[in-house]
Amino acid sequence: MTPAPNRIRVWDLPTRLFHWSLAISFFVAFFSAESERWRDVHVIAGYVVGGLLAFRLLWGFVGGRYARFAEFWPTPAKVWAYLKSLFTGHPQHYIGHNPVGAVAVFLLLGLGVLTVISGWLTYEEIGGELFEELHETLGDAMMALVVVHIAGVIVSSRLHGENLVRAMISGWKRSPRDENPAG
């Protein structure tokens, strides 16, 4: 299928598979956490999350252009400029992650790694209650960030008149005529 004019492939297949697999695995782990009956499911989902995060950390250096961390590194100046643009009525448009979205990506990756490590330590009965409490707190923080991420996707989709969920499914995003898709 040939893409329509002004469309650009942004999210490669590995990035999209990672994204949706992480979402599913994290939700399974989160919602199976409180049940002894579902403990094995929780642990397996946690290992899947850990493997997916290891993949994404590697893919952030060797993956496609818009998957690379260098492409969307969120400096304070970029974050501030983007936030200011939201309140002017002319929000900056990014083909890949906007700076605030990039902050969310790095926070999700960091919280995910810490959650997996603390979960593994808890499962191995290392550190007692300390790591168990830390694991629960990190999981709750990650879920809160997921909710903020989803809200940001909805708001950004409306502000820019594009369906970001569809883009994360298909890989394609519109490229405004006045914007250079390569830069």
C-alpha atoms as a PDB file:
ATOM      1  CA  MET A   1       0.000   0.000   0.000  1.00  0.00           C
ATOM      2  CA  THR A   2       1.397   3.377  -1.024  1.00  0.00           C
ATOM      3  CA  PRO A   3       1.155   6.047   1.651  1.00  0.00           C
ATOM      4  CA  ALA A   4      -0.935   9.141   0.989  1.00  0.00           C
ATOM      5  CA  PRO A   5       0.978  12.355   0.268  1.00  0.00           C
ATOM      6  CA  ASN A   6       2.264  14.118   3.362  1.00  0.00           C
ATOM      7  CA  ARG A   7       2.480  10.870   5.300  1.00  0.00           C
ATOM      8  CA  ILE A   8       5.636   9.531   6.799  1.00  0.00           C
ATOM      9  CA  ARG A   9       6.509   6.205   8.424  1.00  0.00           C
ATOM     10  CA  VAL A  10       7.335   7.167  11.989  1.00  0.00           C
ATOM     11  CA  TRP A  11       6.950   4.109  14.180  1.00  0.00           C
ATOM     12  CA  ASP A  12       8.693   0.996  12.892  1.00  0.00           C
ATOM     13  CA  LEU A  13       7.210  -2.441  13.511  1.00  0.00           C
ATOM     14  CA  PRO A  14       9.537  -3.359  16.420  1.00  0.00           C
ATOM     15  CA  THR A  15       8.659  -0.099  18.213  1.00  0.00           C
ATOM     16  CA  ARG A  16       4.934  -0.653  17.725  1.00  0.00           C
ATOM     17  CA  LEU A  17       5.101  -4.296  18.845  1.00  0.00           C
ATOM     18  CA  PHE A  18       7.112  -3.227  21.886  1.00  0.00           C
ATOM     19  CA  HIS A  19       4.602  -0.496  22.768  1.00  0.00           C
ATOM     20  CA  TRP A  20       1.489  -2.656  22.648  1.00  0.00           C
ATOM     21  CA  SER A  21       3.190  -5.706  24.194  1.00  0.00           C
ATOM     22  CA  LEU A  22       4.442  -3.570  27.077  1.00  0.00           C
ATOM     23  CA  ALA A  23       0.980  -2.081  27.602  1.00  0.00           C
ATOM     24  CA  ILE A  24      -0.637  -5.523  27.741  1.00  0.00           C
ATOM     25  CA  SER A  25       2.100  -7.086  29.906  1.00  0.00           C
ATOM     26  CA  PHE A  26       2.128  -4.198  32.358  1.00  0.00           C
ATOM     27  CA  PHE A  27      -1.672  -4.243  32.748  1.00  0.00           C
ATOM     28  CA  VAL A  28      -1.608  -8.024  33.312  1.00  0.00           C
ATOM     29  CA  ALA A  29       1.153  -7.629  35.912  1.00  0.00           C
ATOM     30  CA  PHE A  30      -0.546  -4.683  37.608  1.00  0.00           C
ATOM     31  CA  PHE A  31      -3.983  -6.249  37.868  1.00  0.00           C
ATOM     32  CA  SER A  32      -2.712  -9.672  38.953  1.00  0.00           C
ATOM     33  CA  ALA A  33      -0.490  -8.256  41.699  1.00  0.00           C
ATOM     34  CA  GLU A  34      -2.815  -8.570  44.681  1.00  0.00           C
ATOM     35  CA  SER A  35      -3.883 -12.172  44.204  1.00  0.00           C
ATOM     36  CA  GLU A  36      -1.904 -15.172  45.433  1.00  0.00           C
ATOM     37  CA  ARG A  37      -3.927 -17.231  42.978  1.00  0.00           C
ATOM     38  CA  TRP A  38      -2.521 -15.160  40.078  1.00  0.00           C
ATOM     39  CA  ARG A  39       1.021 -14.863  41.450  1.00  0.00           C
ATOM     40  CA  ASP A  40       2.586 -16.960  38.670  1.00  0.00           C
ATOM     41  CA  VAL A  41       0.817 -14.847  36.042  1.00  0.00           C
ATOM     42  CA  HIS A  42       2.104 -11.705  37.771  1.00  0.00           C
ATOM     43  CA  VAL A  43       5.682 -13.018  37.830  1.00  0.00           C
ATOM     44  CA  ILE A  44       5.616 -14.146  34.193  1.00  0.00           C
ATOM     45  CA  ALA A  45       4.155 -10.811  33.090  1.00  0.00           C
ATOM     46  CA  GLY A  46       6.897  -9.078  35.077  1.00  0.00           C
ATOM     47  CA  TYR A  47       9.586 -11.079  33.282  1.00  0.00           C
ATOM     48  CA  VAL A  48       7.956 -10.223  29.948  1.00  0.00           C
ATOM     49  CA  VAL A  49       7.986  -6.523  30.915  1.00  0.00           C
ATOM     50  CA  GLY A  50      11.666  -6.850  31.831  1.00  0.00           C
ATOM     51  CA  GLY A  51      12.535  -8.480  28.508  1.00  0.00           C
ATOM     52  CA  LEU A  52      10.580  -5.861  26.586  1.00  0.00           C
ATOM     53  CA  LEU A  53      12.325  -3.041  28.443  1.00  0.00           C
ATOM     54  CA  ALA A  54      15.746  -4.580  27.737  1.00  0.00           C
ATOM     55  CA  PHE A  55      14.804  -4.731  24.046  1.00  0.00           C
ATOM     56  CA  ARG A  56      13.589  -1.100  24.023  1.00  0.00           C
ATOM     57  CA  LEU A  57      16.713   0.171  25.728  1.00  0.00           C
ATOM     58  CA  LEU A  58      18.798  -1.490  23.006  1.00  0.00           C
ATOM     59  CA  TRP A  59      16.389  -0.361  20.243  1.00  0.00           C
ATOM     60  CA  GLY A  60      16.758   3.214  21.512  1.00  0.00           C
ATOM     61  CA  PHE A  61      20.317   3.129  20.184  1.00  0.00           C
ATOM     62  CA  VAL A  62      20.071   0.928  17.077  1.00  0.00           C
ATOM     63  CA  GLY A  63      16.430   1.163  15.972  1.00  0.00           C
ATOM     64  CA  GLY A  64      14.765   3.331  13.375  1.00  0.00           C
ATOM     65  CA  ARG A  65      15.211   7.087  13.335  1.00  0.00           C
ATOM     66  CA  TYR A  66      12.188   8.018  15.450  1.00  0.00           C
ATOM     67  CA  ALA A  67      12.827   5.173  17.914  1.00  0.00           C
ATOM     68  CA  ARG A  68      16.340   6.379  18.737  1.00  0.00           C
ATOM     69  CA  PHE A  69      16.739   8.244  22.013  1.00  0.00           C
ATOM     70  CA  ALA A  70      18.996  10.834  20.361  1.00  0.00           C
ATOM     71  CA  GLU A  71      16.067  11.796  18.095  1.00  0.00           C
ATOM     72  CA  PHE A  72      13.836  12.863  20.966  1.00  0.00           C
ATOM     73  CA  TRP A  73      16.132  13.661  23.897  1.00  0.00           C
ATOM     74  CA  PRO A  74      14.083  16.126  26.016  1.00  0.00           C
ATOM     75  CA  THR A  75      16.252  19.058  27.064  1.00  0.00           C
ATOM     76  CA  PRO A  76      14.735  21.526  29.547  1.00  0.00           C
ATOM     77  CA  ALA A  77      14.743  24.213  26.832  1.00  0.00           C
ATOM     78  CA  LYS A  78      12.802  21.965  24.424  1.00  0.00           C
ATOM     79  CA  VAL A  79      10.285  20.992  27.124  1.00  0.00           C
ATOM     80  CA  TRP A  80       9.773  24.622  28.158  1.00  0.00           C
ATOM     81  CA  ALA A  81       9.386  25.825  24.542  1.00  0.00           C
ATOM     82  CA  TYR A  82       6.850  23.099  23.828  1.00  0.00           C
ATOM     83  CA  LEU A  83       4.842  23.836  26.987  1.00  0.00           C
ATOM     84  CA  LYS A  84       4.808  27.576  26.148  1.00  0.00           C
ATOM     85  CA  SER A  85       3.598  26.789  22.619  1.00  0.00           C
ATOM     86  CA  LEU A  86       0.631  24.869  24.044  1.00  0.00           C
ATOM     87  CA  PHE A  87      -0.630  28.018  25.751  1.00  0.00           C
ATOM     88  CA  THR A  88      -0.169  30.305  22.740  1.00  0.00           C
ATOM     89  CA  GLY A  89      -2.734  28.405  20.696  1.00  0.00           C
ATOM     90  CA  HIS A  90      -0.038  27.325  18.213  1.00  0.00           C
ATOM     91  CA  PRO A  91       1.457  24.140  19.647  1.00  0.00           C
ATOM     92  CA  GLN A  92       4.693  22.970  18.075  1.00  0.00           C
ATOM     93  CA  HIS A  93       4.193  19.855  15.972  1.00  0.00           C
ATOM     94  CA  TYR A  94       6.657  16.988  16.108  1.00  0.00           C
ATOM     95  CA  ILE A  95       6.760  14.066  13.746  1.00  0.00           C
ATOM     96  CA  GLY A  96       8.122  11.800  16.482  1.00  0.00           C
ATOM     97  CA  HIS A  97       7.785  12.340  20.225  1.00  0.00           C
ATOM     98  CA  ASN A  98       7.201  15.878  21.422  1.00  0.00           C
ATOM     99  CA  PRO A  99       9.461  16.910  24.342  1.00  0.00           C
ATOM    100  CA  VAL A 100       6.799  16.285  27.010  1.00  0.00           C
ATOM    101  CA  GLY A 101       6.019  12.892  25.474  1.00  0.00           C
ATOM    102  CA  ALA A 102       9.745  12.162  25.479  1.00  0.00           C
ATOM    103  CA  VAL A 103       9.913  12.889  29.216  1.00  0.00           C
ATOM    104  CA  ALA A 104       7.042  10.425  29.704  1.00  0.00           C
ATOM    105  CA  VAL A 105       8.882   7.791  27.644  1.00  0.00           C
ATOM    106  CA  PHE A 106      12.039   8.085  29.733  1.00  0.00           C
ATOM    107  CA  LEU A 107      10.083   8.099  32.996  1.00  0.00           C
ATOM    108  CA  LEU A 108       8.134   5.002  31.912  1.00  0.00           C
ATOM    109  CA  LEU A 109      11.335   3.201  30.929  1.00  0.00           C
ATOM    110  CA  GLY A 110      13.056   4.148  34.186  1.00  0.00           C
ATOM    111  CA  LEU A 111      10.088   3.290  36.390  1.00  0.00           C
ATOM    112  CA  GLY A 112       9.616   0.061  34.463  1.00  0.00           C
ATOM    113  CA  VAL A 113      13.215  -1.026  34.993  1.00  0.00           C
ATOM    114  CA  LEU A 114      13.082  -0.162  38.705  1.00  0.00           C
ATOM    115  CA  THR A 115       9.743  -1.958  39.079  1.00  0.00           C
ATOM    116  CA  VAL A 116      11.096  -5.101  37.433  1.00  0.00           C
ATOM    117  CA  ILE A 117      14.264  -5.071  39.554  1.00  0.00           C
ATOM    118  CA  SER A 118      12.360  -4.517  42.803  1.00  0.00           C
ATOM    119  CA  GLY A 119       9.877  -7.228  41.788  1.00  0.00           C
ATOM    120  CA  TRP A 120      12.671  -9.684  41.116  1.00  0.00           C
ATOM    121  CA  LEU A 121      14.290  -8.853  44.483  1.00  0.00           C
ATOM    122  CA  THR A 122      10.931  -9.364  46.197  1.00  0.00           C
ATOM    123  CA  TYR A 123      10.372 -12.677  44.396  1.00  0.00           C
ATOM    124  CA  GLU A 124      13.847 -13.846  45.433  1.00  0.00           C
ATOM    125  CA  GLU A 125      13.033 -12.737  49.009  1.00  0.00           C
ATOM    126  CA  ILE A 126      15.909 -10.272  49.087  1.00  0.00           C
ATOM    127  CA  GLY A 127      15.447  -7.190  51.243  1.00  0.00           C
ATOM    128  CA  GLY A 128      12.207  -8.274  52.876  1.00  0.00           C
ATOM    129  CA  GLU A 129       9.372  -5.775  53.160  1.00  0.00           C
ATOM    130  CA  LEU A 130      11.526  -2.908  51.868  1.00  0.00           C
ATOM    131  CA  PHE A 131      11.631  -4.109  48.253  1.00  0.00           C
ATOM    132  CA  GLU A 132       8.061  -5.376  48.388  1.00  0.00           C
ATOM    133  CA  GLU A 133       6.814  -1.916  49.402  1.00  0.00           C
ATOM    134  CA  LEU A 134       9.108  -0.257  46.876  1.00  0.00           C
ATOM    135  CA  HIS A 135       7.829  -2.587  44.145  1.00  0.00           C
ATOM    136  CA  GLU A 136       4.197  -1.718  44.917  1.00  0.00           C
ATOM    137  CA  THR A 137       4.932   2.004  45.070  1.00  0.00           C
ATOM    138  CA  LEU A 138       6.820   1.938  41.758  1.00  0.00           C
ATOM    139  CA  GLY A 139       4.035  -0.062  40.106  1.00  0.00           C
ATOM    140  CA  ASP A 140       1.453   2.456  41.319  1.00  0.00           C
ATOM    141  CA  ALA A 141       3.631   5.350  40.103  1.00  0.00           C
ATOM    142  CA  MET A 142       3.976   3.676  36.731  1.00  0.00           C
ATOM    143  CA  MET A 143       0.205   3.208  36.458  1.00  0.00           C
ATOM    144  CA  ALA A 144      -0.306   6.883  37.328  1.00  0.00           C
ATOM    145  CA  LEU A 145       2.171   7.825  34.608  1.00  0.00           C
ATOM    146  CA  VAL A 146       0.373   5.546  32.125  1.00  0.00           C
ATOM    147  CA  VAL A 147      -2.867   7.422  32.863  1.00  0.00           C
ATOM    148  CA  VAL A 148      -1.084  10.757  32.312  1.00  0.00           C
ATOM    149  CA  HIS A 149       0.438   9.353  29.086  1.00  0.00           C
ATOM    150  CA  ILE A 150      -2.982   8.329  27.763  1.00  0.00           C
ATOM    151  CA  ALA A 151      -4.405  11.753  28.637  1.00  0.00           C
ATOM    152  CA  GLY A 152      -1.464  13.387  26.849  1.00  0.00           C
ATOM    153  CA  VAL A 153      -2.073  11.280  23.751  1.00  0.00           C
ATOM    154  CA  ILE A 154      -5.728  12.349  23.718  1.00  0.00           C
ATOM    155  CA  VAL A 155      -4.896  16.034  24.211  1.00  0.00           C
ATOM    156  CA  SER A 156      -2.072  15.980  21.661  1.00  0.00           C
ATOM    157  CA  SER A 157      -4.266  14.179  19.125  1.00  0.00           C
ATOM    158  CA  ARG A 158      -6.908  16.893  19.462  1.00  0.00           C
ATOM    159  CA  LEU A 159      -4.452  19.801  19.420  1.00  0.00           C
ATOM    160  CA  HIS A 160      -2.726  18.562  16.275  1.00  0.00           C
ATOM    161  CA  GLY A 161      -5.744  17.036  14.567  1.00  0.00           C
ATOM    162  CA  GLU A 162      -4.150  13.626  14.243  1.00  0.00           C
ATOM    163  CA  ASN A 163      -4.941  10.223  15.650  1.00  0.00           C
ATOM    164  CA  LEU A 164      -1.835   9.183  17.578  1.00  0.00           C
ATOM    165  CA  VAL A 165      -3.324   5.825  18.542  1.00  0.00           C
ATOM    166  CA  ARG A 166      -3.839   4.991  14.868  1.00  0.00           C
ATOM    167  CA  ALA A 167      -0.260   6.132  14.180  1.00  0.00           C
ATOM    168  CA  MET A 168       1.026   3.735  16.857  1.00  0.00           C
ATOM    169  CA  ILE A 169      -0.947   0.931  15.209  1.00  0.00           C
ATOM    170  CA  SER A 170      -0.156   1.665  11.553  1.00  0.00           C
ATOM    171  CA  GLY A 171       3.213   3.362  11.956  1.00  0.00           C
ATOM    172  CA  TRP A 172       2.165   6.260   9.701  1.00  0.00           C
ATOM    173  CA  LYS A 173       1.733   9.882  10.711  1.00  0.00           C
ATOM    174  CA  ARG A 174       0.937  12.993   8.731  1.00  0.00           C
ATOM    175  CA  SER A 175       3.728  15.367   7.866  1.00  0.00           C
ATOM    176  CA  PRO A 176       2.564  18.971   7.601  1.00  0.00           C
ATOM    177  CA  ARG A 177       3.384  20.616   4.262  1.00  0.00           C
ATOM    178  CA  ASP A 178       5.378  23.371   5.930  1.00  0.00           C
ATOM    179  CA  GLU A 179       7.445  20.940   7.989  1.00  0.00           C
ATOM    180  CA  ASN A 180      10.495  19.103   6.788  1.00  0.00           C
ATOM    181  CA  PRO A 181       9.895  15.413   7.624  1.00  0.00           C
ATOM    182  CA  ALA A 182      13.642  14.856   7.734  1.00  0.00           C
ATOM    183  CA  GLY A 183      14.310  17.535  10.289  1.00  0.00           C
END
